[in-house]
PDB file of N, CA and C in Angstrom:
ATOM      1  N   MET A   1       1.309  -1.458   0.187  1.00  0.00           N
ATOM      2  CA  MET A   1      -0.002   0.215   0.214  1.00  0.00           C
ATOM      3  C   MET A   1       0.420   1.188   0.073  1.00  0.00           C
ATOM      4  N   THR A   2       0.526   2.636  -0.507  1.00  0.00           N
ATOM      5  CA  THR A   2       0.992   3.619  -0.527  1.00  0.00           C
ATOM      6  C   THR A   2       0.043   4.213  -0.149  1.00  0.00           C
ATOM      7  N   GLY A   3       0.786   5.906   0.434  1.00  0.00           N
ATOM      8  CA  GLY A   3      -0.108   6.933   0.548  1.00  0.00           C
ATOM      9  C   GLY A   3      -0.755   7.829  -0.597  1.00  0.00           C
ATOM     10  N   ASP A   4      -1.294   7.179  -0.833  1.00  0.00           N
ATOM     11  CA  ASP A   4      -2.602   6.774  -2.112  1.00  0.00           C
ATOM     12  C   ASP A   4      -3.400   6.081  -1.830  1.00  0.00           C
ATOM     13  N   ALA A   5      -3.656   4.784  -1.102  1.00  0.00           N
ATOM     14  CA  ALA A   5      -4.078   4.066  -0.483  1.00  0.00           C
ATOM     15  C   ALA A   5      -5.216   4.512   0.402  1.00  0.00           C
ATOM     16  N   PRO A   6      -6.558   3.157   0.040  1.00  0.00           N
ATOM     17  CA  PRO A   6      -8.034   4.230   0.488  1.00  0.00           C
ATOM     18  C   PRO A   6      -7.523   3.550   2.683  1.00  0.00           C
ATOM     19  N   LEU A   7      -7.322   2.403   2.911  1.00  0.00           N
ATOM     20  CA  LEU A   7      -6.165   2.016   3.894  1.00  0.00           C
ATOM     21  C   LEU A   7      -5.486   1.521   4.625  1.00  0.00           C
ATOM     22  N   LEU A   8      -4.831   1.715   5.381  1.00  0.00           N
ATOM     23  CA  LEU A   8      -3.170   2.660   5.687  1.00  0.00           C
ATOM     24  C   LEU A   8      -2.863   1.611   6.601  1.00  0.00           C
ATOM     25  N   THR A   9      -1.782   1.080   7.506  1.00  0.00           N
ATOM     26  CA  THR A   9      -1.486   0.035   8.505  1.00  0.00           C
ATOM     27  C   THR A   9      -0.768   1.476   9.623  1.00  0.00           C
ATOM     28  N   MET A  10      -0.993   1.015  10.828  1.00  0.00           N
ATOM     29  CA  MET A  10      -0.419   2.102  11.573  1.00  0.00           C
ATOM     30  C   MET A  10       1.637   1.593  10.954  1.00  0.00           C
ATOM     31  N   ALA A  11       1.335   1.445  10.579  1.00  0.00           N
ATOM     32  CA  ALA A  11       2.907   1.528  10.605  1.00  0.00           C
ATOM     33  C   ALA A  11       3.778   2.235   9.273  1.00  0.00           C
ATOM     34  N   GLN A  12       2.356   2.503   8.985  1.00  0.00           N
ATOM     35  CA  GLN A  12       2.461   2.927   7.376  1.00  0.00           C
ATOM     36  C   GLN A  12       2.132   4.190   7.742  1.00  0.00           C
ATOM     37  N   LEU A  13       1.460   4.210   8.750  1.00  0.00           N
ATOM     38  CA  LEU A  13       0.797   5.688   9.215  1.00  0.00           C
ATOM     39  C   LEU A  13       2.064   6.578   9.642  1.00  0.00           C
ATOM     40  N   ALA A  14       3.049   6.133  10.448  1.00  0.00           N
ATOM     41  CA  ALA A  14       3.779   6.300  11.168  1.00  0.00           C
ATOM     42  C   ALA A  14       4.808   6.794  10.367  1.00  0.00           C
ATOM     43  N   ASP A  15       5.206   6.381   9.534  1.00  0.00           N
ATOM     44  CA  ASP A  15       5.784   6.408   7.929  1.00  0.00           C
ATOM     45  C   ASP A  15       5.472   7.709   7.243  1.00  0.00           C
ATOM     46  N   LEU A  16       4.465   7.879   7.415  1.00  0.00           N
ATOM     47  CA  LEU A  16       3.826   9.092   6.735  1.00  0.00           C
ATOM     48  C   LEU A  16       4.026  10.376   7.372  1.00  0.00           C
ATOM     49  N   LEU A  17       3.801  10.260   8.669  1.00  0.00           N
ATOM     50  CA  LEU A  17       3.689  10.925   9.759  1.00  0.00           C
ATOM     51  C   LEU A  17       5.852  11.744   9.735  1.00  0.00           C
ATOM     52  N   GLY A  18       6.434  10.499   9.699  1.00  0.00           N
ATOM     53  CA  GLY A  18       7.863  10.693  10.130  1.00  0.00           C
ATOM     54  C   GLY A  18       7.803  10.354  11.207  1.00  0.00           C
ATOM     55  N   TYR A  19       7.606   9.572  11.820  1.00  0.00           N
ATOM     56  CA  TYR A  19       7.722   8.737  12.740  1.00  0.00           C
ATOM     57  C   TYR A  19       9.197   8.030  12.976  1.00  0.00           C
ATOM     58  N   ARG A  20       9.316   7.415  13.598  1.00  0.00           N
ATOM     59  CA  ARG A  20      10.643   6.790  14.089  1.00  0.00           C
ATOM     60  C   ARG A  20      10.857   6.042  14.706  1.00  0.00           C
ATOM     61  N   GLY A  21      12.304   4.787  14.436  1.00  0.00           N
ATOM     62  CA  GLY A  21      12.101   3.887  15.293  1.00  0.00           C
ATOM     63  C   GLY A  21      10.977   2.800  15.658  1.00  0.00           C
ATOM     64  N   ARG A  22      11.921   2.208  16.502  1.00  0.00           N
ATOM     65  CA  ARG A  22      10.922   0.678  16.630  1.00  0.00           C
ATOM     66  C   ARG A  22       9.155   0.792  17.053  1.00  0.00           C
ATOM     67  N   GLN A  23       9.308   1.737  18.035  1.00  0.00           N
ATOM     68  CA  GLN A  23       7.609   1.963  18.456  1.00  0.00           C
ATOM     69  C   GLN A  23       6.848   3.352  17.684  1.00  0.00           C
ATOM     70  N   ARG A  24       7.251   3.177  16.589  1.00  0.00           N
ATOM     71  CA  ARG A  24       6.231   4.239  15.331  1.00  0.00           C
ATOM     72  C   ARG A  24       4.869   3.245  14.611  1.00  0.00           C
ATOM     73  N   GLY A  25       4.901   2.359  15.077  1.00  0.00           N
ATOM     74  CA  GLY A  25       3.653   2.179  15.297  1.00  0.00           C
ATOM     75  C   GLY A  25       2.899   2.222  16.277  1.00  0.00           C
ATOM     76  N   ARG A  26       3.064   1.644  17.825  1.00  0.00           N
ATOM     77  CA  ARG A  26       2.498   2.662  18.655  1.00  0.00           C
ATOM     78  C   ARG A  26       2.068   4.105  18.982  1.00  0.00           C
ATOM     79  N   ARG A  27       3.407   4.581  18.293  1.00  0.00           N
ATOM     80  CA  ARG A  27       2.643   5.964  18.704  1.00  0.00           C
ATOM     81  C   ARG A  27       1.698   6.321  18.181  1.00  0.00           C
ATOM     82  N   ALA A  28       1.216   6.189  16.751  1.00  0.00           N
ATOM     83  CA  ALA A  28       0.530   5.882  15.086  1.00  0.00           C
ATOM     84  C   ALA A  28      -0.395   5.015  15.938  1.00  0.00           C
ATOM     85  N   LEU A  29      -0.850   4.412  17.178  1.00  0.00           N
ATOM     86  CA  LEU A  29      -2.147   4.209  17.138  1.00  0.00           C
ATOM     87  C   LEU A  29      -1.711   4.778  18.036  1.00  0.00           C
ATOM     88  N   ARG A  30      -1.361   5.236  19.194  1.00  0.00           N
ATOM     89  CA  ARG A  30      -1.966   6.243  20.123  1.00  0.00           C
ATOM     90  C   ARG A  30      -2.558   6.995  20.055  1.00  0.00           C
ATOM     91  N   LEU A  31      -1.823   8.112  18.448  1.00  0.00           N
ATOM     92  CA  LEU A  31      -2.168   9.388  18.071  1.00  0.00           C
ATOM     93  C   LEU A  31      -3.387   8.729  17.261  1.00  0.00           C
ATOM     94  N   CYS A  32      -4.070   7.617  16.867  1.00  0.00           N
ATOM     95  CA  CYS A  32      -5.169   7.768  16.566  1.00  0.00           C
ATOM     96  C   CYS A  32      -6.098   7.692  17.788  1.00  0.00           C
ATOM     97  N   GLU A  33      -5.789   7.077  18.721  1.00  0.00           N
ATOM     98  CA  GLU A  33      -6.990   6.412  20.190  1.00  0.00           C
ATOM     99  C   GLU A  33      -6.546   8.219  20.636  1.00  0.00           C
ATOM    100  N   ALA A  34      -6.110   9.281  20.946  1.00  0.00           N
ATOM    101  CA  ALA A  34      -6.436  10.226  21.028  1.00  0.00           C
ATOM    102  C   ALA A  34      -7.441  11.313  20.216  1.00  0.00           C
ATOM    103  N   ALA A  35      -6.849  10.867  18.405  1.00  0.00           N
ATOM    104  CA  ALA A  35      -7.873  12.264  18.120  1.00  0.00           C
ATOM    105  C   ALA A  35      -9.535  10.973  17.741  1.00  0.00           C
ATOM    106  N   SER A  36      -9.810   9.746  18.505  1.00  0.00           N
ATOM    107  CA  SER A  36     -11.212   9.586  18.855  1.00  0.00           C
ATOM    108  C   SER A  36     -11.915   9.811  19.150  1.00  0.00           C
ATOM    109  N   GLY A  37     -10.920   9.744  20.323  1.00  0.00           N
ATOM    110  CA  GLY A  37     -11.742  10.468  22.492  1.00  0.00           C
ATOM    111  C   GLY A  37     -11.578  12.414  21.812  1.00  0.00           C
ATOM    112  N   GLN A  38     -11.017  13.230  20.944  1.00  0.00           N
ATOM    113  CA  GLN A  38     -11.263  14.688  20.393  1.00  0.00           C
ATOM    114  C   GLN A  38     -12.366  13.993  19.718  1.00  0.00           C
ATOM    115  N   ARG A  39     -12.580  13.771  18.957  1.00  0.00           N
ATOM    116  CA  ARG A  39     -13.786  13.523  17.734  1.00  0.00           C
ATOM    117  C   ARG A  39     -14.977  12.871  18.083  1.00  0.00           C
ATOM    118  N   GLY A  40     -15.305  11.996  19.143  1.00  0.00           N
ATOM    119  CA  GLY A  40     -16.343  11.107  19.711  1.00  0.00           C
ATOM    120  C   GLY A  40     -16.314   9.886  18.863  1.00  0.00           C
ATOM    121  N   THR A  41     -15.423   9.046  17.336  1.00  0.00           N
ATOM    122  CA  THR A  41     -15.743   8.855  17.005  1.00  0.00           C
ATOM    123  C   THR A  41     -13.980   7.836  16.350  1.00  0.00           C
ATOM    124  N   PRO A  42     -14.770   6.418  16.447  1.00  0.00           N
ATOM    125  CA  PRO A  42     -13.251   5.939  16.502  1.00  0.00           C
ATOM    126  C   PRO A  42     -12.350   5.940  14.442  1.00  0.00           C
ATOM    127  N   LEU A  43     -10.992   6.919  14.506  1.00  0.00           N
ATOM    128  CA  LEU A  43     -10.640   6.422  13.761  1.00  0.00           C
ATOM    129  C   LEU A  43      -9.566   5.020  13.043  1.00  0.00           C
ATOM    130  N   ARG A  44      -9.511   4.314  14.042  1.00  0.00           N
ATOM    131  CA  ARG A  44      -8.985   3.154  13.127  1.00  0.00           C
ATOM    132  C   ARG A  44     -10.571   1.412  13.611  1.00  0.00           C
ATOM    133  N   PHE A  45      -9.044   0.612  12.851  1.00  0.00           N
ATOM    134  CA  PHE A  45     -10.581  -0.781  13.114  1.00  0.00           C
ATOM    135  C   PHE A  45      -9.265  -1.678  13.103  1.00  0.00           C
ATOM    136  N   ARG A  46      -9.530  -2.959  13.595  1.00  0.00           N
ATOM    137  CA  ARG A  46      -9.040  -3.865  13.458  1.00  0.00           C
ATOM    138  C   ARG A  46      -9.010  -5.651  12.704  1.00  0.00           C
ATOM    139  N   ASN A  47      -8.464  -5.433  11.870  1.00  0.00           N
ATOM    140  CA  ASN A  47      -8.963  -7.438  10.593  1.00  0.00           C
ATOM    141  C   ASN A  47      -7.658  -8.255  11.999  1.00  0.00           C
ATOM    142  N   GLY A  48      -8.110  -8.995  11.889  1.00  0.00           N
ATOM    143  CA  GLY A  48      -7.585  -9.729  12.397  1.00  0.00           C
ATOM    144  C   GLY A  48      -6.724  -9.232  13.389  1.00  0.00           C
ATOM    145  N   ARG A  49      -5.090  -9.045  12.838  1.00  0.00           N
ATOM    146  CA  ARG A  49      -4.197  -8.784  13.504  1.00  0.00           C
ATOM    147  C   ARG A  49      -3.746  -7.240  13.342  1.00  0.00           C
ATOM    148  N   ARG A  50      -4.518  -6.599  12.681  1.00  0.00           N
ATOM    149  CA  ARG A  50      -3.711  -5.094  12.070  1.00  0.00           C
ATOM    150  C   ARG A  50      -4.994  -4.272  12.231  1.00  0.00           C
ATOM    151  N   TRP A  51      -4.177  -3.106  13.039  1.00  0.00           N
ATOM    152  CA  TRP A  51      -4.526  -2.159  12.672  1.00  0.00           C
ATOM    153  C   TRP A  51      -4.818  -1.419  11.064  1.00  0.00           C
ATOM    154  N   PHE A  52      -5.670  -0.416  11.253  1.00  0.00           N
ATOM    155  CA  PHE A  52      -6.091   0.096   9.664  1.00  0.00           C
ATOM    156  C   PHE A  52      -6.572   1.641  10.227  1.00  0.00           C
ATOM    157  N   VAL A  53      -6.584   3.234   9.360  1.00  0.00           N
ATOM    158  CA  VAL A  53      -6.925   3.336   9.153  1.00  0.00           C
ATOM    159  C   VAL A  53      -7.203   4.130   7.679  1.00  0.00           C
ATOM    160  N   SER A  54      -8.626   5.289   7.281  1.00  0.00           N
ATOM    161  CA  SER A  54      -8.875   5.213   6.594  1.00  0.00           C
ATOM    162  C   SER A  54      -8.389   6.658   5.867  1.00  0.00           C
ATOM    163  N   ARG A  55      -7.996   6.434   4.569  1.00  0.00           N
ATOM    164  CA  ARG A  55      -7.205   7.926   3.978  1.00  0.00           C
ATOM    165  C   ARG A  55      -8.511   9.809   4.707  1.00  0.00           C
ATOM    166  N   GLU A  56      -9.446   8.642   5.009  1.00  0.00           N
ATOM    167  CA  GLU A  56     -10.412  10.042   5.662  1.00  0.00           C
ATOM    168  C   GLU A  56      -9.521  10.312   6.977  1.00  0.00           C
ATOM    169  N   SER A  57      -9.464   9.836   7.660  1.00  0.00           N
ATOM    170  CA  SER A  57      -9.559   9.851   9.005  1.00  0.00           C
ATOM    171  C   SER A  57      -7.690  10.219   8.779  1.00  0.00           C
ATOM    172  N   ILE A  58      -6.777   9.174   8.318  1.00  0.00           N
ATOM    173  CA  ILE A  58      -5.398  10.613   8.063  1.00  0.00           C
ATOM    174  C   ILE A  58      -5.445  11.792   7.858  1.00  0.00           C
ATOM    175  N   GLN A  59      -6.607  12.345   6.682  1.00  0.00           N
ATOM    176  CA  GLN A  59      -6.455  13.283   6.043  1.00  0.00           C
ATOM    177  C   GLN A  59      -7.184  14.490   7.480  1.00  0.00           C
ATOM    178  N   SER A  60      -7.891  14.031   8.250  1.00  0.00           N
ATOM    179  CA  SER A  60      -8.094  14.958   9.726  1.00  0.00           C
ATOM    180  C   SER A  60      -7.209  15.071  10.583  1.00  0.00           C
ATOM    181  N   LEU A  61      -5.906  14.066  11.289  1.00  0.00           N
ATOM    182  CA  LEU A  61      -5.555  13.595  11.358  1.00  0.00           C
ATOM    183  C   LEU A  61      -3.824  14.769  11.436  1.00  0.00           C
ATOM    184  N   LEU A  62      -3.947  14.947   9.646  1.00  0.00           N
ATOM    185  CA  LEU A  62      -2.893  15.822   9.175  1.00  0.00           C
ATOM    186  C   LEU A  62      -3.070  17.558   9.229  1.00  0.00           C
ATOM    187  N   SER A  63      -4.479  17.749   9.833  1.00  0.00           N
ATOM    188  CA  SER A  63      -5.317  19.052   9.669  1.00  0.00           C
ATOM    189  C   SER A  63      -5.539  19.968  10.809  1.00  0.00           C
ATOM    190  N   SER A  64      -4.723  20.783  10.583  1.00  0.00           N
ATOM    191  CA  SER A  64      -4.566  22.272  11.675  1.00  0.00           C
ATOM    192  C   SER A  64      -5.939  22.121  12.371  1.00  0.00           C
ATOM    193  N   GLU A  65      -6.838  21.246  12.356  1.00  0.00           N
ATOM    194  CA  GLU A  65      -7.772  21.151  13.559  1.00  0.00           C
ATOM    195  C   GLU A  65      -7.085  20.653  14.328  1.00  0.00           C
ATOM    196  N   PHE A  66      -6.660  19.921  14.479  1.00  0.00           N
ATOM    197  CA  PHE A  66      -6.656  18.534  15.128  1.00  0.00           C
ATOM    198  C   PHE A  66      -5.205  18.851  15.565  1.00  0.00           C
ATOM    199  N   SER A  67      -4.462  18.801  15.032  1.00  0.00           N
ATOM    200  CA  SER A  67      -2.805  19.179  15.229  1.00  0.00           C
ATOM    201  C   SER A  67      -2.233  18.034  16.321  1.00  0.00           C
ATOM    202  N   LEU A  68      -2.797  17.349  16.220  1.00  0.00           N
ATOM    203  CA  LEU A  68      -2.967  16.274  17.157  1.00  0.00           C
ATOM    204  C   LEU A  68      -1.429  15.388  17.238  1.00  0.00           C
ATOM    205  N   ALA A  69      -1.254  15.181  15.993  1.00  0.00           N
ATOM    206  CA  ALA A  69       0.864  14.591  15.708  1.00  0.00           C
ATOM    207  C   ALA A  69       1.892  15.740  16.578  1.00  0.00           C
ATOM    208  N   ASP A  70       1.305  17.065  16.013  1.00  0.00           N
ATOM    209  CA  ASP A  70       2.353  17.853  17.213  1.00  0.00           C
ATOM    210  C   ASP A  70       2.359  17.727  18.290  1.00  0.00           C
ATOM    211  N   ARG A  71       1.137  17.712  19.308  1.00  0.00           N
ATOM    212  CA  ARG A  71       0.789  17.234  20.694  1.00  0.00           C
ATOM    213  C   ARG A  71       1.651  16.457  20.686  1.00  0.00           C
ATOM    214  N   VAL A  72       1.330  15.574  20.518  1.00  0.00           N
ATOM    215  CA  VAL A  72       1.745  13.442  20.690  1.00  0.00           C
ATOM    216  C   VAL A  72       3.095  13.890  20.933  1.00  0.00           C
ATOM    217  N   GLU A  73       4.360  14.296  20.256  1.00  0.00           N
ATOM    218  CA  GLU A  73       5.916  15.556  20.180  1.00  0.00           C
ATOM    219  C   GLU A  73       6.184  15.588  21.310  1.00  0.00           C
ATOM    220  N   ASP A  74       5.167  16.514  21.350  1.00  0.00           N
ATOM    221  CA  ASP A  74       5.284  17.227  22.514  1.00  0.00           C
ATOM    222  C   ASP A  74       5.564  16.334  24.707  1.00  0.00           C
ATOM    223  N   MET A  75       4.471  16.012  24.426  1.00  0.00           N
ATOM    224  CA  MET A  75       4.489  14.728  25.806  1.00  0.00           C
ATOM    225  C   MET A  75       5.441  14.154  25.588  1.00  0.00           C
ATOM    226  N   GLU A  76       5.717  13.442  24.206  1.00  0.00           N
ATOM    227  CA  GLU A  76       6.631  12.201  24.548  1.00  0.00           C
ATOM    228  C   GLU A  76       8.539  12.902  24.666  1.00  0.00           C
ATOM    229  N   ARG A  77       8.302  14.400  24.068  1.00  0.00           N
ATOM    230  CA  ARG A  77       9.763  15.118  24.969  1.00  0.00           C
ATOM    231  C   ARG A  77       9.966  15.689  26.169  1.00  0.00           C
ATOM    232  N   ALA A  78       8.646  15.908  26.987  1.00  0.00           N
ATOM    233  CA  ALA A  78       8.459  16.225  28.045  1.00  0.00           C
ATOM    234  C   ALA A  78       8.669  14.925  29.087  1.00  0.00           C
ATOM    235  N   VAL A  79       8.245  13.488  28.140  1.00  0.00           N
ATOM    236  CA  VAL A  79       8.312  12.772  29.546  1.00  0.00           C
ATOM    237  C   VAL A  79       9.788  11.851  29.043  1.00  0.00           C
ATOM    238  N   ARG A  80      10.408  12.020  28.376  1.00  0.00           N
ATOM    239  CA  ARG A  80      12.258  11.874  28.206  1.00  0.00           C
ATOM    240  C   ARG A  80      12.678  12.796  29.312  1.00  0.00           C
ATOM    241  N   ASP A  81      12.567  14.546  29.643  1.00  0.00           N
ATOM    242  CA  ASP A  81      12.995  15.674  29.593  1.00  0.00           C
ATOM    243  C   ASP A  81      12.458  15.057  31.512  1.00  0.00           C
ATOM    244  N   LEU A  82      11.597  14.691  31.497  1.00  0.00           N
ATOM    245  CA  LEU A  82      11.566  14.205  32.568  1.00  0.00           C
ATOM    246  C   LEU A  82      12.315  12.617  34.115  1.00  0.00           C
ATOM    247  N   ARG A  83      12.615  11.770  32.682  1.00  0.00           N
ATOM    248  CA  ARG A  83      13.133  10.546  32.554  1.00  0.00           C
ATOM    249  C   ARG A  83      14.925  11.191  32.684  1.00  0.00           C
ATOM    250  N   MET A  84      14.934  12.258  31.911  1.00  0.00           N
ATOM    251  CA  MET A  84      16.306  12.510  32.100  1.00  0.00           C
ATOM    252  C   MET A  84      16.705  13.133  33.470  1.00  0.00           C
ATOM    253  N   ARG A  85      15.830  13.753  34.018  1.00  0.00           N
ATOM    254  CA  ARG A  85      15.558  14.498  35.331  1.00  0.00           C
ATOM    255  C   ARG A  85      15.853  14.254  36.878  1.00  0.00           C
ATOM    256  N   ILE A  86      14.893  13.091  36.511  1.00  0.00           N
ATOM    257  CA  ILE A  86      15.406  11.842  37.586  1.00  0.00           C
ATOM    258  C   ILE A  86      16.456  11.172  37.347  1.00  0.00           C
ATOM    259  N   GLU A  87      16.537  10.789  36.342  1.00  0.00           N
ATOM    260  CA  GLU A  87      17.567   9.917  36.109  1.00  0.00           C
ATOM    261  C   GLU A  87      19.165  11.064  36.990  1.00  0.00           C
ATOM    262  N   HIS A  88      19.068  11.878  36.897  1.00  0.00           N
ATOM    263  CA  HIS A  88      20.509  12.881  36.632  1.00  0.00           C
ATOM    264  C   HIS A  88      19.961  12.995  38.445  1.00  0.00           C
ATOM    265  N   LEU A  89      18.750  12.725  39.473  1.00  0.00           N
ATOM    266  CA  LEU A  89      18.574  12.955  40.699  1.00  0.00           C
ATOM    267  C   LEU A  89      18.542  12.032  40.772  1.00  0.00           C
ATOM    268  N   GLU A  90      18.822  10.686  40.641  1.00  0.00           N
ATOM    269  CA  GLU A  90      18.982   9.428  41.211  1.00  0.00           C
ATOM    270  C   GLU A  90      20.482   9.499  41.242  1.00  0.00           C
ATOM    271  N   ALA A  91      21.396   9.845  40.155  1.00  0.00           N
ATOM    272  CA  ALA A  91      22.774   9.852  40.086  1.00  0.00           C
ATOM    273  C   ALA A  91      23.265  10.387  40.990  1.00  0.00           C
ATOM    274  N   ALA A  92      22.686  11.466  41.358  1.00  0.00           N
ATOM    275  CA  ALA A  92      23.158  12.651  42.410  1.00  0.00           C
ATOM    276  C   ALA A  92      23.465  11.641  44.291  1.00  0.00           C
ATOM    277  N   GLY A  93      22.417  11.866  44.641  1.00  0.00           N
ATOM    278  CA  GLY A  93      22.051  10.117  45.526  1.00  0.00           C
ATOM    279  C   GLY A  93      21.349  10.906  46.303  1.00  0.00           C
ATOM    280  N   PRO A  94      21.303  10.196  47.692  1.00  0.00           N
ATOM    281  CA  PRO A  94      20.026  10.605  48.223  1.00  0.00           C
ATOM    282  C   PRO A  94      20.534  12.308  48.917  1.00  0.00           C
ATOM    283  N   LEU A  95      19.117  13.155  49.556  1.00  0.00           N
ATOM    284  CA  LEU A  95      19.650  14.704  49.391  1.00  0.00           C
ATOM    285  C   LEU A  95      19.948  15.209  51.223  1.00  0.00           C
TER     286      LEU A  95
END
């Protein structure tokens, strides 16, 4: 399937969004779940072991109205920063 296909897997959606790394499919799935909660309707569906998302849903995810991709990246960056702070505090020892 390509970016022009009517249905994409989560890994293909992740590639389309520019996600990298082992967890890129999971990030795309979390993005769809967040968008589903915001819209009140599911964006993805399951067929067997694979999750799919429709082209229409992809367009709504990429629209500026939702801008969820940016929010997900911001939250992930905040989590990484907190982990680094925790590691730094643990390395410093007890107060």
